[in-house]
Amino acid sequence: MSRVHLDDIDRTLLHELQRDGRVSYTALAETTGLSAPAVRQRVQRLRDEGVVQIVGVTDPMALGLPVMALIGVRVESDVHTVADRISELSGVIYVVLTSGSFDMFVEVVCKEPAELLAVLNDHIKRVPGVTRAEAFTYFGIHTHRFAWPGT
């Protein structure tokens, strides 16, 4: 994937969308000095190029999913195939391929500890190619950012 060139206006749009994904094109136009139709085109280009997605972010706790964990997984076969299988499991919200002690990290949200145990023991550990899975249970989310430096 090639890097997309962003100018100052693109960065301003991204910054404002990260603050409030529901901000109007009119408000963005006032911030950037462009017309609302020009802002709409710019935002659409950023979406088309995969720079930004506009989604509703939910709070697992508010949805009745207070049990969260990061699971480190070691694999002895094709990591992409195993990641695809794990990604299909209920409760899995995030899978990232890594280097180091684990081949991937899997983020899981559940209603209760027994559900987390089932995801880990009855599902992840039974995926062909998984040799080890270690859960790191969350006690709470300290920091969760949707804006990065340079945007």
N, C-alpha and C. Protein backbone atom coordinates (compact mmCIF):
# COMPACT_ATOMS: atom_id res chain seq x y z
N MET A 1 0.84 -1.17 0.00
CA MET A 1 0.00 0.00 0.00
C MET A 1 0.89 1.24 0.00
N SER A 2 0.65 2.12 -0.95
CA SER A 2 1.47 3.33 -1.03
C SER A 2 0.91 4.40 -0.10
N ARG A 3 1.79 5.26 0.33
CA ARG A 3 1.41 6.34 1.22
C ARG A 3 0.67 7.42 0.44
N VAL A 4 -0.40 7.92 0.99
CA VAL A 4 -1.20 8.96 0.37
C VAL A 4 -0.65 10.32 0.78
N HIS A 5 -0.50 11.22 -0.20
CA HIS A 5 -0.03 12.57 0.11
C HIS A 5 -1.16 13.38 0.74
N LEU A 6 -0.89 13.94 1.89
CA LEU A 6 -1.86 14.79 2.58
C LEU A 6 -1.32 16.21 2.66
N ASP A 7 -2.16 17.17 2.31
CA ASP A 7 -1.75 18.57 2.48
C ASP A 7 -2.34 19.09 3.80
N ASP A 8 -2.11 20.36 4.09
CA ASP A 8 -2.57 20.93 5.36
C ASP A 8 -4.09 20.88 5.50
N ILE A 9 -4.80 21.08 4.41
CA ILE A 9 -6.27 21.03 4.48
C ILE A 9 -6.73 19.61 4.79
N ASP A 10 -6.12 18.60 4.16
CA ASP A 10 -6.45 17.21 4.47
C ASP A 10 -6.22 16.92 5.94
N ARG A 11 -5.10 17.38 6.48
CA ARG A 11 -4.79 17.13 7.88
C ARG A 11 -5.81 17.83 8.80
N THR A 12 -6.22 19.03 8.42
CA THR A 12 -7.24 19.74 9.20
C THR A 12 -8.55 18.97 9.18
N LEU A 13 -8.94 18.49 8.00
CA LEU A 13 -10.17 17.69 7.90
C LEU A 13 -10.08 16.44 8.76
N LEU A 14 -8.96 15.74 8.71
CA LEU A 14 -8.79 14.53 9.51
C LEU A 14 -8.85 14.84 11.00
N HIS A 15 -8.20 15.91 11.39
CA HIS A 15 -8.21 16.32 12.80
C HIS A 15 -9.65 16.57 13.27
N GLU A 16 -10.40 17.32 12.49
CA GLU A 16 -11.77 17.64 12.87
C GLU A 16 -12.66 16.40 12.87
N LEU A 17 -12.47 15.50 11.90
CA LEU A 17 -13.26 14.26 11.86
C LEU A 17 -12.89 13.33 13.02
N GLN A 18 -11.64 13.35 13.46
CA GLN A 18 -11.25 12.53 14.60
C GLN A 18 -11.87 13.08 15.89
N ARG A 19 -12.04 14.38 15.96
CA ARG A 19 -12.70 14.99 17.12
C ARG A 19 -14.18 14.67 17.14
N ASP A 20 -14.81 14.77 15.93
CA ASP A 20 -16.25 14.55 15.82
C ASP A 20 -16.55 14.05 14.41
N GLY A 21 -16.79 12.75 14.29
CA GLY A 21 -17.05 12.16 12.98
C GLY A 21 -18.36 12.59 12.37
N ARG A 22 -19.20 13.29 13.13
CA ARG A 22 -20.49 13.75 12.62
C ARG A 22 -20.48 15.23 12.26
N VAL A 23 -19.31 15.85 12.29
CA VAL A 23 -19.23 17.27 11.97
C VAL A 23 -19.75 17.49 10.55
N SER A 24 -20.46 18.58 10.35
CA SER A 24 -21.07 18.85 9.04
C SER A 24 -20.03 19.37 8.04
N TYR A 25 -20.34 19.20 6.78
CA TYR A 25 -19.47 19.75 5.73
C TYR A 25 -19.43 21.27 5.83
N THR A 26 -20.53 21.88 6.25
CA THR A 26 -20.58 23.34 6.41
C THR A 26 -19.59 23.79 7.49
N ALA A 27 -19.60 23.07 8.62
CA ALA A 27 -18.66 23.41 9.70
C ALA A 27 -17.22 23.18 9.25
N LEU A 28 -16.98 22.10 8.52
CA LEU A 28 -15.63 21.83 8.01
C LEU A 28 -15.21 22.90 7.01
N ALA A 29 -16.16 23.38 6.23
CA ALA A 29 -15.88 24.45 5.27
C ALA A 29 -15.43 25.71 5.98
N GLU A 30 -16.10 26.04 7.07
CA GLU A 30 -15.72 27.22 7.85
C GLU A 30 -14.32 27.08 8.42
N THR A 31 -13.98 25.88 8.87
CA THR A 31 -12.67 25.63 9.46
C THR A 31 -11.55 25.69 8.42
N THR A 32 -11.83 25.19 7.22
CA THR A 32 -10.78 25.09 6.20
C THR A 32 -10.74 26.24 5.21
N GLY A 33 -11.84 26.99 5.12
CA GLY A 33 -11.90 28.06 4.13
C GLY A 33 -12.35 27.59 2.75
N LEU A 34 -12.70 26.31 2.63
CA LEU A 34 -13.21 25.77 1.37
C LEU A 34 -14.74 25.86 1.36
N SER A 35 -15.34 25.61 0.22
CA SER A 35 -16.79 25.51 0.14
C SER A 35 -17.21 24.14 0.67
N ALA A 36 -18.48 24.01 1.08
CA ALA A 36 -18.98 22.73 1.56
C ALA A 36 -18.86 21.64 0.48
N PRO A 37 -19.20 21.92 -0.81
CA PRO A 37 -19.02 20.88 -1.82
C PRO A 37 -17.55 20.46 -1.99
N ALA A 38 -16.62 21.41 -1.87
CA ALA A 38 -15.20 21.07 -1.98
C ALA A 38 -14.77 20.19 -0.80
N VAL A 39 -15.29 20.49 0.38
CA VAL A 39 -14.99 19.67 1.56
C VAL A 39 -15.54 18.27 1.37
N ARG A 40 -16.78 18.16 0.87
CA ARG A 40 -17.38 16.85 0.64
C ARG A 40 -16.52 16.03 -0.31
N GLN A 41 -16.02 16.65 -1.37
CA GLN A 41 -15.15 15.94 -2.32
C GLN A 41 -13.86 15.49 -1.66
N ARG A 42 -13.27 16.36 -0.87
CA ARG A 42 -12.01 16.01 -0.18
C ARG A 42 -12.22 14.85 0.78
N VAL A 43 -13.29 14.92 1.58
CA VAL A 43 -13.56 13.84 2.54
C VAL A 43 -13.83 12.54 1.79
N GLN A 44 -14.56 12.61 0.69
CA GLN A 44 -14.83 11.41 -0.10
C GLN A 44 -13.54 10.83 -0.66
N ARG A 45 -12.62 11.69 -1.12
CA ARG A 45 -11.34 11.21 -1.62
C ARG A 45 -10.56 10.51 -0.51
N LEU A 46 -10.55 11.09 0.68
CA LEU A 46 -9.86 10.48 1.82
C LEU A 46 -10.48 9.12 2.16
N ARG A 47 -11.79 9.02 2.06
CA ARG A 47 -12.46 7.74 2.30
C ARG A 47 -12.11 6.74 1.20
N ASP A 48 -12.17 7.18 -0.06
CA ASP A 48 -11.88 6.30 -1.19
C ASP A 48 -10.45 5.77 -1.15
N GLU A 49 -9.51 6.60 -0.68
CA GLU A 49 -8.10 6.21 -0.61
C GLU A 49 -7.79 5.39 0.65
N GLY A 50 -8.79 5.18 1.50
CA GLY A 50 -8.59 4.37 2.70
C GLY A 50 -7.89 5.10 3.82
N VAL A 51 -7.81 6.42 3.74
CA VAL A 51 -7.15 7.20 4.78
C VAL A 51 -8.04 7.28 6.03
N VAL A 52 -9.34 7.38 5.82
CA VAL A 52 -10.26 7.54 6.95
C VAL A 52 -11.52 6.71 6.71
N GLN A 53 -12.04 6.18 7.81
CA GLN A 53 -13.35 5.55 7.83
C GLN A 53 -14.17 6.32 8.85
N ILE A 54 -15.42 6.50 8.56
CA ILE A 54 -16.28 7.19 9.51
C ILE A 54 -17.24 6.15 10.07
N VAL A 55 -17.06 5.85 11.36
CA VAL A 55 -17.83 4.79 12.01
C VAL A 55 -18.28 5.25 13.40
N GLY A 56 -19.26 4.57 13.93
CA GLY A 56 -19.66 4.79 15.31
C GLY A 56 -18.81 3.92 16.21
N VAL A 57 -18.16 4.50 17.18
CA VAL A 57 -17.31 3.75 18.12
C VAL A 57 -18.14 3.46 19.36
N THR A 58 -18.20 2.20 19.74
CA THR A 58 -19.00 1.80 20.89
C THR A 58 -18.13 1.55 22.11
N ASP A 59 -18.76 1.59 23.26
CA ASP A 59 -18.09 1.30 24.52
C ASP A 59 -18.53 -0.10 24.96
N PRO A 60 -17.62 -1.08 24.96
CA PRO A 60 -18.00 -2.45 25.33
C PRO A 60 -18.69 -2.54 26.69
N MET A 61 -18.24 -1.75 27.65
CA MET A 61 -18.84 -1.77 28.99
C MET A 61 -20.31 -1.36 28.92
N ALA A 62 -20.60 -0.30 28.16
CA ALA A 62 -21.98 0.18 28.04
C ALA A 62 -22.86 -0.83 27.32
N LEU A 63 -22.26 -1.69 26.52
CA LEU A 63 -23.01 -2.71 25.78
C LEU A 63 -23.13 -4.02 26.55
N GLY A 64 -22.68 -4.03 27.81
CA GLY A 64 -22.76 -5.25 28.61
C GLY A 64 -21.65 -6.24 28.33
N LEU A 65 -20.51 -5.74 27.89
CA LEU A 65 -19.35 -6.60 27.62
C LEU A 65 -18.17 -6.13 28.47
N PRO A 66 -18.24 -6.35 29.78
CA PRO A 66 -17.21 -5.81 30.68
C PRO A 66 -15.92 -6.62 30.75
N VAL A 67 -15.91 -7.83 30.19
CA VAL A 67 -14.72 -8.68 30.25
C VAL A 67 -13.96 -8.53 28.94
N MET A 68 -12.77 -7.95 29.03
CA MET A 68 -11.95 -7.71 27.84
C MET A 68 -10.56 -8.29 28.07
N ALA A 69 -9.97 -8.80 26.99
CA ALA A 69 -8.63 -9.37 27.12
C ALA A 69 -7.88 -9.26 25.80
N LEU A 70 -6.58 -9.21 25.93
CA LEU A 70 -5.67 -9.32 24.80
C LEU A 70 -5.08 -10.72 24.89
N ILE A 71 -5.17 -11.47 23.81
CA ILE A 71 -4.67 -12.84 23.82
C ILE A 71 -3.49 -12.94 22.87
N GLY A 72 -2.34 -13.34 23.40
CA GLY A 72 -1.16 -13.58 22.59
C GLY A 72 -1.23 -15.00 22.05
N VAL A 73 -1.03 -15.16 20.74
CA VAL A 73 -1.17 -16.46 20.09
C VAL A 73 0.12 -16.80 19.35
N ARG A 74 0.61 -18.02 19.57
CA ARG A 74 1.75 -18.56 18.81
C ARG A 74 1.22 -19.57 17.81
N VAL A 75 1.83 -19.58 16.64
CA VAL A 75 1.34 -20.39 15.53
C VAL A 75 2.50 -21.19 14.94
N GLU A 76 2.21 -22.44 14.53
CA GLU A 76 3.24 -23.26 13.89
C GLU A 76 3.02 -23.40 12.39
N SER A 77 1.96 -22.82 11.88
CA SER A 77 1.65 -22.93 10.45
C SER A 77 1.48 -21.53 9.87
N ASP A 78 0.75 -21.42 8.77
CA ASP A 78 0.56 -20.13 8.12
C ASP A 78 -0.23 -19.18 9.02
N VAL A 79 0.41 -18.10 9.41
CA VAL A 79 -0.19 -17.15 10.35
C VAL A 79 -1.44 -16.48 9.76
N HIS A 80 -1.47 -16.27 8.46
CA HIS A 80 -2.64 -15.63 7.84
C HIS A 80 -3.87 -16.55 7.90
N THR A 81 -3.67 -17.82 7.68
CA THR A 81 -4.77 -18.78 7.73
C THR A 81 -5.33 -18.84 9.15
N VAL A 82 -4.45 -18.91 10.14
CA VAL A 82 -4.89 -18.96 11.53
C VAL A 82 -5.59 -17.65 11.90
N ALA A 83 -5.05 -16.53 11.49
CA ALA A 83 -5.67 -15.23 11.79
C ALA A 83 -7.07 -15.15 11.17
N ASP A 84 -7.22 -15.66 9.96
CA ASP A 84 -8.54 -15.67 9.31
C ASP A 84 -9.54 -16.47 10.14
N ARG A 85 -9.13 -17.63 10.62
CA ARG A 85 -10.02 -18.49 11.41
C ARG A 85 -10.39 -17.82 12.74
N ILE A 86 -9.40 -17.25 13.40
CA ILE A 86 -9.65 -16.60 14.69
C ILE A 86 -10.53 -15.37 14.50
N SER A 87 -10.35 -14.65 13.42
CA SER A 87 -11.15 -13.45 13.15
C SER A 87 -12.64 -13.74 13.05
N GLU A 88 -13.00 -14.97 12.72
CA GLU A 88 -14.40 -15.36 12.57
C GLU A 88 -15.09 -15.67 13.90
N LEU A 89 -14.32 -15.79 14.97
CA LEU A 89 -14.88 -16.18 16.27
C LEU A 89 -15.68 -15.06 16.91
N SER A 90 -16.77 -15.43 17.56
CA SER A 90 -17.59 -14.47 18.28
C SER A 90 -16.78 -13.85 19.42
N GLY A 91 -16.92 -12.56 19.57
CA GLY A 91 -16.20 -11.85 20.63
C GLY A 91 -14.88 -11.28 20.20
N VAL A 92 -14.33 -11.74 19.09
CA VAL A 92 -13.05 -11.23 18.60
C VAL A 92 -13.30 -9.92 17.85
N ILE A 93 -12.63 -8.86 18.32
CA ILE A 93 -12.85 -7.55 17.70
C ILE A 93 -11.62 -7.00 16.99
N TYR A 94 -10.47 -7.64 17.21
CA TYR A 94 -9.23 -7.09 16.66
C TYR A 94 -8.20 -8.20 16.58
N VAL A 95 -7.55 -8.33 15.44
CA VAL A 95 -6.46 -9.28 15.28
C VAL A 95 -5.32 -8.55 14.59
N VAL A 96 -4.13 -8.64 15.16
CA VAL A 96 -2.96 -7.99 14.58
C VAL A 96 -1.82 -8.99 14.54
N LEU A 97 -1.13 -9.06 13.41
CA LEU A 97 0.03 -9.94 13.27
C LEU A 97 1.24 -9.22 13.84
N THR A 98 2.08 -9.96 14.56
CA THR A 98 3.20 -9.34 15.27
C THR A 98 4.48 -10.14 15.11
N SER A 99 5.54 -9.61 15.66
CA SER A 99 6.79 -10.35 15.79
C SER A 99 7.10 -10.42 17.27
N GLY A 100 8.05 -11.23 17.63
CA GLY A 100 8.41 -11.36 19.04
C GLY A 100 7.89 -12.67 19.61
N SER A 101 7.49 -12.67 20.87
CA SER A 101 7.06 -13.89 21.55
C SER A 101 5.77 -14.47 20.99
N PHE A 102 4.93 -13.63 20.40
CA PHE A 102 3.67 -14.09 19.84
C PHE A 102 3.60 -13.74 18.36
N ASP A 103 2.89 -14.56 17.61
CA ASP A 103 2.71 -14.31 16.19
C ASP A 103 1.55 -13.37 15.91
N MET A 104 0.63 -13.30 16.87
CA MET A 104 -0.49 -12.37 16.72
C MET A 104 -1.06 -12.05 18.09
N PHE A 105 -1.76 -10.92 18.14
CA PHE A 105 -2.54 -10.56 19.31
C PHE A 105 -4.00 -10.48 18.89
N VAL A 106 -4.86 -10.98 19.75
CA VAL A 106 -6.29 -11.03 19.49
C VAL A 106 -6.98 -10.30 20.64
N GLU A 107 -7.79 -9.31 20.31
CA GLU A 107 -8.55 -8.60 21.34
C GLU A 107 -9.97 -9.17 21.36
N VAL A 108 -10.43 -9.46 22.59
CA VAL A 108 -11.72 -10.11 22.78
C VAL A 108 -12.55 -9.33 23.79
N VAL A 109 -13.86 -9.24 23.54
CA VAL A 109 -14.79 -8.67 24.52
C VAL A 109 -15.86 -9.72 24.81
N CYS A 110 -16.22 -9.86 26.10
CA CYS A 110 -17.17 -10.90 26.53
C CYS A 110 -18.09 -10.36 27.62
N LYS A 111 -19.18 -11.11 27.85
CA LYS A 111 -20.14 -10.74 28.89
C LYS A 111 -19.67 -11.15 30.28
N GLU A 112 -18.94 -12.27 30.35
CA GLU A 112 -18.54 -12.79 31.67
C GLU A 112 -17.26 -13.60 31.52
N PRO A 113 -16.54 -13.82 32.63
CA PRO A 113 -15.29 -14.58 32.57
C PRO A 113 -15.43 -15.96 31.95
N ALA A 114 -16.54 -16.64 32.18
CA ALA A 114 -16.73 -17.98 31.60
C ALA A 114 -16.75 -17.91 30.07
N GLU A 115 -17.28 -16.84 29.53
CA GLU A 115 -17.29 -16.68 28.07
C GLU A 115 -15.88 -16.48 27.55
N LEU A 116 -15.07 -15.70 28.26
CA LEU A 116 -13.67 -15.52 27.87
C LEU A 116 -12.94 -16.86 27.90
N LEU A 117 -13.17 -17.66 28.94
CA LEU A 117 -12.55 -18.98 29.03
C LEU A 117 -12.95 -19.84 27.83
N ALA A 118 -14.22 -19.79 27.45
CA ALA A 118 -14.69 -20.58 26.31
C ALA A 118 -14.03 -20.12 25.01
N VAL A 119 -13.92 -18.81 24.81
CA VAL A 119 -13.27 -18.30 23.59
C VAL A 119 -11.83 -18.78 23.54
N LEU A 120 -11.14 -18.68 24.66
CA LEU A 120 -9.74 -19.06 24.72
C LEU A 120 -9.55 -20.58 24.61
N ASN A 121 -10.20 -21.32 25.48
CA ASN A 121 -9.96 -22.76 25.58
C ASN A 121 -10.69 -23.58 24.52
N ASP A 122 -11.95 -23.25 24.27
CA ASP A 122 -12.77 -24.07 23.37
C ASP A 122 -12.65 -23.66 21.91
N HIS A 123 -12.15 -22.46 21.66
CA HIS A 123 -12.11 -21.99 20.27
C HIS A 123 -10.70 -21.66 19.79
N ILE A 124 -10.06 -20.67 20.39
CA ILE A 124 -8.74 -20.25 19.89
C ILE A 124 -7.72 -21.38 19.99
N LYS A 125 -7.65 -22.04 21.13
CA LYS A 125 -6.67 -23.11 21.29
C LYS A 125 -6.93 -24.31 20.40
N ARG A 126 -8.14 -24.42 19.86
CA ARG A 126 -8.49 -25.54 18.98
C ARG A 126 -8.35 -25.24 17.50
N VAL A 127 -7.98 -24.01 17.17
CA VAL A 127 -7.76 -23.67 15.77
C VAL A 127 -6.49 -24.40 15.31
N PRO A 128 -6.56 -25.15 14.21
CA PRO A 128 -5.37 -25.86 13.72
C PRO A 128 -4.21 -24.89 13.49
N GLY A 129 -3.04 -25.24 14.04
CA GLY A 129 -1.86 -24.41 13.89
C GLY A 129 -1.52 -23.60 15.13
N VAL A 130 -2.49 -23.42 16.04
CA VAL A 130 -2.23 -22.67 17.28
C VAL A 130 -1.47 -23.58 18.23
N THR A 131 -0.31 -23.11 18.69
CA THR A 131 0.49 -23.89 19.64
C THR A 131 0.43 -23.32 21.06
N ARG A 132 0.05 -22.06 21.18
CA ARG A 132 0.00 -21.42 22.50
C ARG A 132 -0.92 -20.22 22.43
N ALA A 133 -1.69 -20.01 23.49
CA ALA A 133 -2.53 -18.82 23.60
C ALA A 133 -2.52 -18.38 25.06
N GLU A 134 -2.18 -17.14 25.28
CA GLU A 134 -2.08 -16.60 26.63
C GLU A 134 -2.91 -15.34 26.74
N ALA A 135 -3.82 -15.32 27.71
CA ALA A 135 -4.74 -14.19 27.87
C ALA A 135 -4.20 -13.17 28.88
N PHE A 136 -4.32 -11.91 28.52
CA PHE A 136 -3.99 -10.79 29.38
C PHE A 136 -5.30 -10.03 29.60
N THR A 137 -5.93 -10.27 30.74
CA THR A 137 -7.23 -9.67 31.03
C THR A 137 -7.07 -8.19 31.35
N TYR A 138 -7.98 -7.39 30.81
CA TYR A 138 -7.96 -5.94 31.06
C TYR A 138 -8.65 -5.65 32.39
N PHE A 139 -8.06 -4.79 33.19
CA PHE A 139 -8.71 -4.29 34.40
C PHE A 139 -9.45 -3.00 34.09
N GLY A 140 -9.07 -2.36 33.02
CA GLY A 140 -9.71 -1.12 32.59
C GLY A 140 -8.92 -0.54 31.43
N ILE A 141 -9.57 0.32 30.67
CA ILE A 141 -8.90 0.98 29.56
C ILE A 141 -8.41 2.33 30.06
N HIS A 142 -7.12 2.51 30.06
CA HIS A 142 -6.51 3.74 30.56
C HIS A 142 -6.54 4.84 29.50
N THR A 143 -6.12 4.52 28.28
CA THR A 143 -6.06 5.48 27.19
C THR A 143 -6.56 4.82 25.92
N HIS A 144 -7.41 5.52 25.19
CA HIS A 144 -7.94 5.01 23.92
C HIS A 144 -8.05 6.21 22.98
N ARG A 145 -7.14 6.31 22.04
CA ARG A 145 -7.08 7.47 21.15
C ARG A 145 -7.55 7.14 19.76
N PHE A 146 -8.12 8.12 19.12
CA PHE A 146 -8.53 8.00 17.73
C PHE A 146 -7.85 9.05 16.87
N ALA A 147 -6.95 9.81 17.45
CA ALA A 147 -6.19 10.83 16.71
C ALA A 147 -4.71 10.53 16.90
N TRP A 148 -3.95 10.71 15.84
CA TRP A 148 -2.52 10.45 15.87
C TRP A 148 -1.77 11.71 15.51
N PRO A 149 -0.53 11.82 15.99
CA PRO A 149 0.29 12.98 15.62
C PRO A 149 0.42 13.07 14.11
N GLY A 150 0.40 14.28 13.62
CA GLY A 150 0.57 14.50 12.18
C GLY A 150 -0.75 14.55 11.43
N THR A 151 -1.87 14.36 12.13
CA THR A 151 -3.16 14.47 11.45
C THR A 151 -3.90 15.67 11.93
